[in-house]
Protein backbone atom coordinates (compact mmCIF):
# COMPACT_ATOMS: atom_id res chain seq x y z
CA UNK A 1 20.10 80.34 116.49
CA UNK A 2 23.04 78.88 114.37
CA UNK A 3 26.27 77.86 116.15
CA UNK A 4 29.51 79.68 114.86
CA UNK A 5 30.33 76.11 113.95
CA UNK A 6 27.79 75.09 111.91
CA UNK A 7 29.09 78.23 109.14
CA UNK A 8 31.47 77.60 106.12
CA UNK A 9 34.33 80.44 107.04
CA UNK A 10 35.95 81.80 103.84
CA UNK A 11 39.52 83.35 104.24
CA UNK A 12 42.85 84.02 102.80
CA UNK A 13 45.60 82.18 103.55
CA UNK A 14 48.81 84.12 105.57
CA UNK A 15 52.31 82.82 105.87
CA UNK A 16 53.00 81.32 109.39
CA UNK A 17 56.42 80.63 111.35
CA UNK A 18 56.73 77.54 109.09
CA UNK A 19 57.04 75.43 112.28
CA UNK A 20 54.07 73.12 111.63
CA UNK A 21 56.02 72.31 108.14
CA UNK A 22 59.89 71.53 110.24
CA UNK A 23 57.64 68.52 111.94
CA UNK A 24 56.20 66.90 109.15
CA UNK A 25 52.70 68.65 109.98
CA UNK A 26 52.59 71.55 107.48
CA UNK A 27 49.73 74.31 108.24
CA UNK A 28 47.40 76.71 106.50
CA UNK A 29 47.43 79.81 108.65
CA UNK A 30 44.29 81.81 109.24
CA UNK A 31 42.67 84.74 110.85
CA UNK A 32 42.14 84.06 114.50
CA UNK A 33 40.24 87.09 115.28
CA UNK A 34 36.72 86.19 114.56
CA UNK A 35 37.03 83.26 117.29
CA UNK A 36 38.74 85.36 119.90
CA UNK A 37 36.17 85.27 123.08
CA UNK A 38 33.87 82.70 121.14
CA UNK A 39 35.79 79.35 120.51
CA UNK A 40 37.27 77.34 123.14
CA UNK A 41 41.02 76.91 122.67
CA UNK A 42 42.40 73.66 121.70
CA UNK A 43 42.15 71.10 119.02
CA UNK A 44 39.09 70.27 116.38
CA UNK A 45 38.19 68.45 113.36
CA UNK A 46 38.18 70.33 110.37
CA UNK A 47 36.87 70.62 107.05
CA UNK A 48 38.49 72.65 104.14
CA UNK A 49 37.35 73.22 100.79
CA UNK A 50 40.07 74.17 98.16
CA UNK A 51 39.10 74.21 94.64
CA UNK A 52 36.00 72.57 95.34
CA UNK A 53 37.71 69.64 96.81
CA UNK A 54 36.63 68.96 100.71
CA UNK A 55 39.65 67.61 102.45
CA UNK A 56 40.04 66.55 106.43
CA UNK A 57 41.45 69.01 108.70
CA UNK A 58 43.04 69.06 112.03
CA UNK A 59 42.56 72.67 113.51
CA UNK A 60 44.42 74.46 116.39
CA UNK A 61 43.14 77.45 118.01
CA UNK A 62 45.58 78.45 120.91
CA UNK A 63 48.66 79.79 121.76
CA UNK A 64 52.13 77.95 120.77
CA UNK A 65 53.09 77.25 124.34
CA UNK A 66 55.90 75.33 122.94
CA UNK A 67 56.96 78.50 121.43
CA UNK A 68 56.21 80.55 124.52
CA UNK A 69 53.73 82.45 122.57
CA UNK A 70 50.45 83.83 124.63
CA UNK A 71 48.51 84.70 121.88
CA UNK A 72 45.78 82.49 120.33
CA UNK A 73 46.58 81.65 116.35
CA UNK A 74 44.12 79.31 114.43
CA UNK A 75 45.94 77.50 111.73
CA UNK A 76 45.10 73.81 110.14
CA UNK A 77 47.08 70.82 109.37
CA UNK A 78 44.77 69.53 105.67
CA UNK A 79 45.01 65.67 105.53
CA UNK A 80 46.60 64.23 102.63
CA UNK A 81 47.30 67.61 101.23
CA UNK A 82 50.93 68.93 99.86
CA UNK A 83 50.13 71.83 98.00
CA UNK A 84 52.14 75.55 98.97
CA UNK A 85 48.77 77.89 98.55
CA UNK A 86 49.86 81.08 100.67
CA UNK A 87 47.63 84.01 99.58
CA UNK A 88 45.32 81.66 97.98
CA UNK A 89 41.23 81.63 99.81
CA UNK A 90 39.80 78.75 101.36
CA UNK A 91 36.46 77.67 103.43
CA UNK A 92 36.47 75.89 106.41
CA UNK A 93 34.17 74.19 109.08
CA UNK A 94 35.18 73.90 112.42
CA UNK A 95 34.16 70.23 113.52
CA UNK A 96 34.57 67.93 117.19
CA UNK A 97 36.41 69.29 119.65
CA UNK A 98 39.70 66.88 120.44
CA UNK A 99 41.27 68.16 123.01
CA UNK A 100 42.78 71.29 125.51
CA UNK A 101 45.85 72.88 124.66
CA UNK A 102 48.91 71.72 126.22
CA UNK A 103 52.20 72.20 126.95
CA UNK A 104 54.96 69.78 125.50
CA UNK A 105 58.04 69.53 126.68
CA UNK A 106 59.62 68.82 123.62
CA UNK A 107 59.08 68.83 119.67
CA UNK A 108 58.98 64.91 119.99
CA UNK A 109 56.74 64.87 122.42
CA UNK A 110 54.42 67.42 120.13
CA UNK A 111 54.39 65.32 117.09
CA UNK A 112 53.57 62.47 119.00
CA UNK A 113 49.97 64.30 120.26
CA UNK A 114 49.42 65.65 116.69
CA UNK A 115 49.88 62.23 115.06
CA UNK A 116 47.36 60.67 117.95
CA UNK A 117 44.94 64.13 116.89
CA UNK A 118 45.24 62.98 112.73
CA UNK A 119 44.26 59.51 113.81
CA UNK A 120 41.36 60.33 116.00
CA UNK A 121 40.14 63.01 113.20
CA UNK A 122 40.44 60.27 110.42
CA UNK A 123 38.25 57.61 112.91
CA UNK A 124 35.51 60.07 113.55
């Protein structure tokens, strides 16, 4: 039987809070419900297909602790991509687990960690 991480998922992009864009890491927001009670919360590498091109991504599944949220979200920062594609459909595949969810004291410390996550994903 295949693992859920072996599949390409297809989903329509929805608007999020816009927080990623404000710190220099815009994300696409997707339906997290299929992954609740299945996927370990944290950061993963990902692949995203959009208009038949495949991009690397940094996928986050979990609560936005910096916003004091408790419900998990699913968002992907697509590397080397800068298009507004809200409402469009993408395919994505979950890759390697990178790290657990962490609570950050400031947006600056969050930005530093995201930069490290992106560097690690580029090196995989």
